[in-house]
Amino acid sequence: MTSQLIIRIEQNLKEQVSKCAKNEGKSISEVIRELLENYVKERDISSYIDDLWSRIGGKLKDHGKSLDSIDTVIRRVRSEK
């Protein structure tokens, strides 16, 4: 379900955004949605931590570690705190 968000910006900025969006084949709404999604993603610590653990898990898998050994390493690291 989507919701509407109304913002006020200077006319000049709106025209610039519109022009850039059009050049990319996007609507202003699409551009604003992308900006807001990136804003939240960059500031949401839980997403950051999940991404970090995914990258660590990927590197461990690349080094031949199984899911069980990855879980063991994660549990061991968390218990050392």
Protein backbone atom coordinates (compact mmCIF):
# COMPACT_ATOMS: atom_id res chain seq x y z
CA MET A 1 0.00 0.00 0.00
CA THR A 2 1.37 3.40 -0.92
CA SER A 3 0.82 6.71 0.77
CA GLN A 4 1.01 10.25 -0.49
CA LEU A 5 3.61 12.70 0.82
CA ILE A 6 3.29 16.40 0.05
CA ILE A 7 6.41 18.57 0.21
CA ARG A 8 7.16 22.18 -0.68
CA ILE A 9 10.24 23.05 -2.71
CA GLU A 10 11.37 26.06 -4.69
CA GLN A 11 10.04 26.18 -8.25
CA ASN A 12 13.57 26.27 -9.67
CA LEU A 13 14.52 23.07 -7.81
CA LYS A 14 11.34 21.35 -9.02
CA GLU A 15 12.17 22.27 -12.60
CA GLN A 16 15.73 20.97 -12.23
CA VAL A 17 14.55 17.71 -10.68
CA SER A 18 11.94 17.30 -13.39
CA LYS A 19 14.53 17.83 -16.11
CA CYS A 20 17.00 15.36 -14.56
CA ALA A 21 14.26 12.76 -13.98
CA LYS A 22 13.05 13.11 -17.57
CA ASN A 23 16.62 12.61 -18.84
CA GLU A 24 16.73 9.35 -16.88
CA GLY A 25 13.29 8.26 -18.07
CA LYS A 26 11.84 8.56 -14.57
CA SER A 27 9.08 10.53 -12.94
CA ILE A 28 9.73 12.99 -10.12
CA SER A 29 7.96 10.55 -7.79
CA GLU A 30 10.35 7.75 -8.74
CA VAL A 31 13.35 9.98 -8.08
CA ILE A 32 12.00 11.09 -4.69
CA ARG A 33 11.17 7.49 -3.71
CA GLU A 34 14.73 6.39 -4.59
CA LEU A 35 16.21 9.26 -2.60
CA LEU A 36 14.06 8.49 0.45
CA GLU A 37 14.79 4.75 0.25
CA ASN A 38 18.54 5.45 0.08
CA TYR A 39 18.26 7.95 2.93
CA VAL A 40 16.61 5.40 5.21
CA LYS A 41 18.90 2.57 4.10
CA GLU A 42 22.01 4.62 4.90
CA ARG A 43 20.73 5.52 8.35
CA ASP A 44 18.96 2.32 9.43
CA ILE A 45 21.50 0.54 11.65
CA SER A 46 19.70 -2.81 11.55
CA SER A 47 19.89 -2.88 7.75
CA TYR A 48 23.55 -1.93 7.96
CA ILE A 49 24.27 -4.76 10.40
CA ASP A 50 22.31 -7.29 8.33
CA ASP A 51 24.24 -6.23 5.24
CA LEU A 52 27.53 -6.47 7.14
CA TRP A 53 26.77 -10.02 8.36
CA SER A 54 25.74 -10.99 4.82
CA ARG A 55 29.05 -9.73 3.44
CA ILE A 56 31.00 -11.50 6.18
CA GLY A 57 29.05 -14.70 5.52
CA GLY A 58 29.76 -14.38 1.81
CA LYS A 59 33.48 -14.02 2.43
CA LEU A 60 33.47 -17.03 4.74
CA LYS A 61 31.63 -19.07 2.08
CA ASP A 62 34.20 -17.95 -0.49
CA HIS A 63 36.84 -19.45 1.80
CA GLY A 64 35.07 -22.80 1.88
CA LYS A 65 33.19 -22.43 5.16
CA SER A 66 29.78 -24.08 5.48
CA LEU A 67 26.62 -22.43 6.85
CA ASP A 68 27.06 -24.37 10.11
CA SER A 69 30.61 -23.13 10.56
CA ILE A 70 29.51 -19.57 9.73
CA ASP A 71 26.77 -19.75 12.37
CA THR A 72 29.31 -21.13 14.85
CA VAL A 73 31.71 -18.27 14.15
CA ILE A 74 28.94 -15.68 14.51
CA ARG A 75 27.78 -17.20 17.83
CA ARG A 76 31.36 -17.31 19.10
CA VAL A 77 32.03 -13.68 18.17
CA ARG A 78 28.78 -12.49 19.74
CA SER A 79 29.44 -14.40 22.97
CA GLU A 80 32.93 -12.89 23.38
CA LYS A 81 31.46 -9.45 24.04
